[in-house]
Amino acid sequence: MPIVPRFFLAAALTVCAGLGSSAAWGGAQNYEPMAASVRTALAAAVAERSDPEPQFRSVAEKIDWLDQMSARLPRRWKPDYRQRIEFLKAVRYEAQRAGLEPELVLGLIEVESNFRKYAVSSAGARGYMQVMPFWTDVIGDRSRPALFDMRANLRYGSVILRHYLDIENGDLFRALGRYNGSLGRAEYPQLVQRAWDRWKYRPAGTFGGVTNVAHTPGRPPAAPPALAGQRRPGG
């Protein structure tokens, strides 16, 4: 099947919003039986409460990263500067906590919901990262409305994507397919790849596409830029 151009995706989301619908492009993660130890570990990851402060190498990087990312967020859904900064800090924190690149998570959110907090797909996936409600029963507290809470949705989505990456031994192409319920098809992973590329952080004063990879110390980033067949170092 052909790749869906981004402007068609954006147009569809805009039309749905204009009609008062919360429809989103997100697919449907499928429930798969898992070992009790895996379920326990995922539940602990979702429930953990710690100081939500993202990591930066320096104050200068923090200011520059937040400024760059804030400028790229759609004003339609994030018109207030303080709201954008709060959202970006939460995304970076939850991504780093799960060992993911923050820019990858931003790209996934762009494709899944176009940064709409209350987006709902035709399959029933909810919120920024389009999390299927069954996850609240499997690894959460059974509170489905929580999927419309910013931090809870980002926590679920990041933990689930990490889970799929671990299942696929770091193969991001297949992990994204599982996340979207389209395993084996190229459209969704390629859309996320393109969005990820647009969100890449380029430190002030650098050229030639230099990027800064931020992730949890001791854990490799999710995957290198080329998706298909690529694995995390050591995967």
Protein backbone atom coordinates (compact mmCIF):
# COMPACT_ATOMS: atom_id res chain seq x y z
CA MET A 1 0.00 0.00 0.00
CA PRO A 2 1.23 3.55 -0.68
CA ILE A 3 2.47 5.77 2.12
CA VAL A 4 -0.14 8.24 3.38
CA PRO A 5 1.30 11.74 2.84
CA ARG A 6 1.54 13.80 5.99
CA PHE A 7 -0.64 16.59 4.63
CA PHE A 8 -3.47 14.10 4.02
CA LEU A 9 -3.10 12.89 7.61
CA ALA A 10 -3.12 16.42 8.97
CA ALA A 11 -6.11 17.33 6.80
CA ALA A 12 -8.07 14.31 8.02
CA LEU A 13 -7.35 15.15 11.65
CA THR A 14 -8.37 18.77 11.09
CA VAL A 15 -11.64 17.77 9.41
CA CYS A 16 -12.50 15.40 12.25
CA ALA A 17 -11.76 18.10 14.80
CA GLY A 18 -13.88 20.59 12.88
CA LEU A 19 -16.81 18.19 12.94
CA GLY A 20 -16.53 17.88 16.70
CA SER A 21 -15.20 14.34 16.51
CA SER A 22 -12.30 13.03 18.57
CA ALA A 23 -11.31 10.50 15.91
CA ALA A 24 -7.58 9.80 15.57
CA TRP A 25 -5.37 7.95 13.13
CA GLY A 26 -4.04 5.60 15.80
CA GLY A 27 -4.45 1.89 15.31
CA ALA A 28 -5.17 -0.76 17.89
CA GLN A 29 -2.61 -2.45 20.09
CA ASN A 30 -3.57 -6.07 20.46
CA TYR A 31 -3.68 -7.87 23.77
CA GLU A 32 -1.17 -10.70 23.91
CA PRO A 33 -0.79 -13.12 26.81
CA MET A 34 2.31 -12.35 28.86
CA ALA A 35 4.18 -13.99 31.68
CA ALA A 36 3.20 -12.92 35.18
CA SER A 37 6.71 -11.55 35.74
CA VAL A 38 6.40 -9.32 32.66
CA ARG A 39 2.97 -8.08 33.72
CA THR A 40 4.28 -7.31 37.20
CA ALA A 41 7.27 -5.42 35.82
CA LEU A 42 5.10 -3.36 33.47
CA ALA A 43 2.60 -2.59 36.23
CA ALA A 44 5.43 -1.44 38.49
CA ALA A 45 6.77 0.79 35.70
CA VAL A 46 3.36 2.41 35.24
CA ALA A 47 2.70 2.86 38.96
CA GLU A 48 6.11 4.20 39.99
CA ARG A 49 6.08 7.74 41.31
CA SER A 50 9.27 9.75 41.20
CA ASP A 51 10.36 13.34 40.71
CA PRO A 52 9.31 14.09 37.11
CA GLU A 53 12.38 16.09 36.12
CA PRO A 54 13.86 15.34 32.67
CA GLN A 55 17.60 15.10 32.19
CA PHE A 56 19.70 17.57 30.23
CA ARG A 57 23.45 17.79 29.85
CA SER A 58 23.44 21.48 30.73
CA VAL A 59 21.18 24.44 31.40
CA ALA A 60 22.02 25.71 27.90
CA GLU A 61 20.86 22.44 26.34
CA LYS A 62 17.66 22.53 28.39
CA ILE A 63 16.79 26.03 27.19
CA ASP A 64 17.72 25.26 23.58
CA TRP A 65 15.88 21.91 23.43
CA LEU A 66 12.69 23.28 24.97
CA ASP A 67 12.81 26.32 22.69
CA GLN A 68 13.25 24.22 19.54
CA MET A 69 10.57 21.70 20.43
CA SER A 70 8.11 24.36 21.60
CA ALA A 71 8.40 26.15 18.26
CA ARG A 72 7.38 22.93 16.45
CA LEU A 73 4.29 22.09 18.49
CA PRO A 74 0.97 22.93 16.78
CA ARG A 75 -0.45 26.12 18.29
CA ARG A 76 -3.98 24.86 17.58
CA TRP A 77 -3.72 22.30 20.38
CA LYS A 78 -0.94 23.87 22.46
CA PRO A 79 -1.47 27.66 22.26
CA ASP A 80 -0.05 28.55 25.67
CA TYR A 81 3.75 28.66 26.11
CA ARG A 82 3.68 27.34 29.66
CA GLN A 83 1.42 24.49 28.56
CA ARG A 84 3.86 23.59 25.79
CA ILE A 85 6.82 23.58 28.17
CA GLU A 86 4.98 21.43 30.72
CA PHE A 87 4.03 18.97 27.99
CA LEU A 88 7.56 18.79 26.55
CA LYS A 89 9.12 18.23 29.97
CA ALA A 90 6.65 15.41 30.61
CA VAL A 91 7.37 13.81 27.22
CA ARG A 92 11.12 14.00 27.74
CA TYR A 93 10.91 12.61 31.26
CA GLU A 94 8.68 9.66 30.35
CA ALA A 95 10.71 8.86 27.22
CA GLN A 96 14.02 8.93 29.09
CA ARG A 97 12.53 6.87 31.89
CA ALA A 98 11.60 4.17 29.35
CA GLY A 99 14.95 4.38 27.55
CA LEU A 100 13.50 6.04 24.45
CA GLU A 101 14.55 9.10 22.51
CA PRO A 102 12.19 11.98 23.37
CA GLU A 103 12.10 13.00 19.71
CA LEU A 104 10.92 9.51 18.75
CA VAL A 105 8.03 9.81 21.21
CA LEU A 106 7.17 13.27 19.86
CA GLY A 107 7.13 11.87 16.33
CA LEU A 108 4.88 9.01 17.40
CA ILE A 109 2.47 11.42 19.12
CA GLU A 110 2.34 13.58 15.99
CA VAL A 111 1.32 10.60 13.88
CA GLU A 112 -1.00 9.03 16.45
CA SER A 113 -3.00 12.03 17.69
CA ASN A 114 -1.46 15.21 16.27
CA PHE A 115 -0.94 16.28 19.90
CA ARG A 116 -4.64 16.17 20.85
CA LYS A 117 -5.13 15.24 24.47
CA TYR A 118 -8.66 13.87 24.01
CA ALA A 119 -8.19 12.13 20.66
CA VAL A 120 -10.01 8.81 20.27
CA SER A 121 -9.43 6.49 17.32
CA SER A 122 -12.04 4.38 15.58
CA ALA A 123 -10.52 1.41 17.41
CA GLY A 124 -10.97 3.11 20.78
CA ALA A 125 -7.35 4.10 21.44
CA ARG A 126 -7.14 7.20 23.62
CA GLY A 127 -5.10 10.29 24.23
CA TYR A 128 -1.79 11.62 23.02
CA MET A 129 -0.16 8.22 22.47
CA GLN A 130 -3.39 6.41 21.55
CA VAL A 131 -3.32 3.79 24.28
CA MET A 132 -5.90 1.03 24.13
CA PRO A 133 -8.10 0.88 27.28
CA PHE A 134 -7.37 -2.80 27.98
CA TRP A 135 -3.91 -1.79 29.19
CA THR A 136 -5.44 -0.17 32.27
CA ASP A 137 -6.82 -3.59 33.23
CA VAL A 138 -3.63 -5.49 32.43
CA ILE A 139 -0.98 -3.26 34.02
CA GLY A 140 -2.87 -0.31 35.52
CA ASP A 141 -5.50 0.56 38.08
CA ARG A 142 -8.47 -0.05 35.74
CA SER A 143 -9.05 3.70 35.44
CA ARG A 144 -9.76 4.23 31.75
CA PRO A 145 -10.44 7.97 32.13
CA ALA A 146 -6.80 8.24 33.27
CA LEU A 147 -5.77 7.73 29.66
CA PHE A 148 -6.85 11.32 29.04
CA ASP A 149 -4.50 12.56 31.77
CA MET A 150 -1.32 13.91 30.16
CA ARG A 151 1.26 12.24 32.36
CA ALA A 152 -0.64 8.95 32.70
CA ASN A 153 -1.06 8.65 28.93
CA LEU A 154 2.61 9.42 28.27
CA ARG A 155 3.60 6.91 30.95
CA TYR A 156 1.46 4.12 29.49
CA GLY A 157 2.49 4.85 25.91
CA SER A 158 6.22 4.96 26.65
CA VAL A 159 6.14 1.81 28.80
CA ILE A 160 4.15 -0.05 26.12
CA LEU A 161 6.51 0.98 23.31
CA ARG A 162 9.50 -0.13 25.41
CA HIS A 163 7.72 -3.43 26.06
CA TYR A 164 7.25 -3.99 22.32
CA LEU A 165 10.88 -3.06 21.65
CA ASP A 166 11.98 -5.64 24.20
CA ILE A 167 9.73 -8.29 22.64
CA GLU A 168 11.24 -7.53 19.22
CA ASN A 169 14.83 -7.43 20.53
CA GLY A 170 15.18 -3.76 19.65
CA ASP A 171 13.72 -3.95 16.14
CA LEU A 172 11.92 -0.60 16.02
CA PHE A 173 10.17 -1.31 12.71
CA ARG A 174 8.39 -4.32 14.20
CA ALA A 175 7.87 -2.67 17.60
CA LEU A 176 6.05 0.24 15.96
CA GLY A 177 3.96 -2.22 13.98
CA ARG A 178 2.88 -3.87 17.22
CA TYR A 179 2.17 -0.50 18.80
CA ASN A 180 -0.15 0.47 15.97
CA GLY A 181 -1.67 -2.99 15.49
CA SER A 182 -0.24 -3.15 11.96
CA LEU A 183 2.68 -5.55 12.42
CA GLY A 184 4.29 -6.44 9.09
CA ARG A 185 3.06 -3.35 7.24
CA ALA A 186 5.39 -0.47 6.41
CA GLU A 187 3.02 2.53 6.35
CA TYR A 188 2.93 3.30 10.06
CA PRO A 189 6.63 2.75 10.90
CA GLN A 190 7.59 4.94 7.94
CA LEU A 191 5.21 7.71 9.02
CA VAL A 192 6.72 7.67 12.51
CA GLN A 193 10.25 7.60 11.05
CA ARG A 194 9.55 10.71 8.99
CA ALA A 195 7.98 12.51 11.93
CA TRP A 196 10.93 11.48 14.16
CA ASP A 197 13.34 12.95 11.62
CA ARG A 198 11.46 16.26 11.73
CA TRP A 199 11.65 16.37 15.52
CA LYS A 200 15.37 15.62 15.73
CA TYR A 201 17.17 18.02 18.03
CA ARG A 202 19.99 20.00 16.45
CA PRO A 203 22.04 21.88 19.04
CA ALA A 204 22.37 25.60 18.46
CA GLY A 205 25.40 26.41 16.33
CA THR A 206 25.76 22.98 14.72
CA PHE A 207 25.22 22.00 11.11
CA GLY A 208 25.01 18.93 8.95
CA GLY A 209 22.19 17.22 10.83
CA VAL A 210 24.09 16.69 14.08
CA THR A 211 21.71 15.28 16.64
CA ASN A 212 21.77 14.96 20.38
CA VAL A 213 20.59 11.60 21.69
CA ALA A 214 19.17 11.83 25.19
CA HIS A 215 18.27 8.67 27.04
CA THR A 216 18.35 7.01 30.40
CA PRO A 217 21.97 6.45 31.50
CA GLY A 218 22.97 2.81 31.15
CA ARG A 219 20.31 2.05 28.53
CA PRO A 220 20.75 2.37 24.77
CA PRO A 221 18.41 4.56 22.73
CA ALA A 222 15.47 2.87 21.03
CA ALA A 223 17.09 2.47 17.61
CA PRO A 224 19.21 4.27 15.03
CA PRO A 225 17.41 6.41 12.42
CA ALA A 226 17.05 3.65 9.79
CA LEU A 227 14.11 1.55 10.92
CA ALA A 228 13.81 -1.66 8.96
CA GLY A 229 15.88 -4.47 10.38
CA GLN A 230 17.80 -2.21 12.74
CA ARG A 231 18.32 -3.13 16.37
CA ARG A 232 19.55 -1.37 19.46
CA PRO A 233 23.22 -1.78 20.25
CA GLY A 234 23.61 -5.05 22.06
CA GLY A 235 20.17 -6.22 20.88
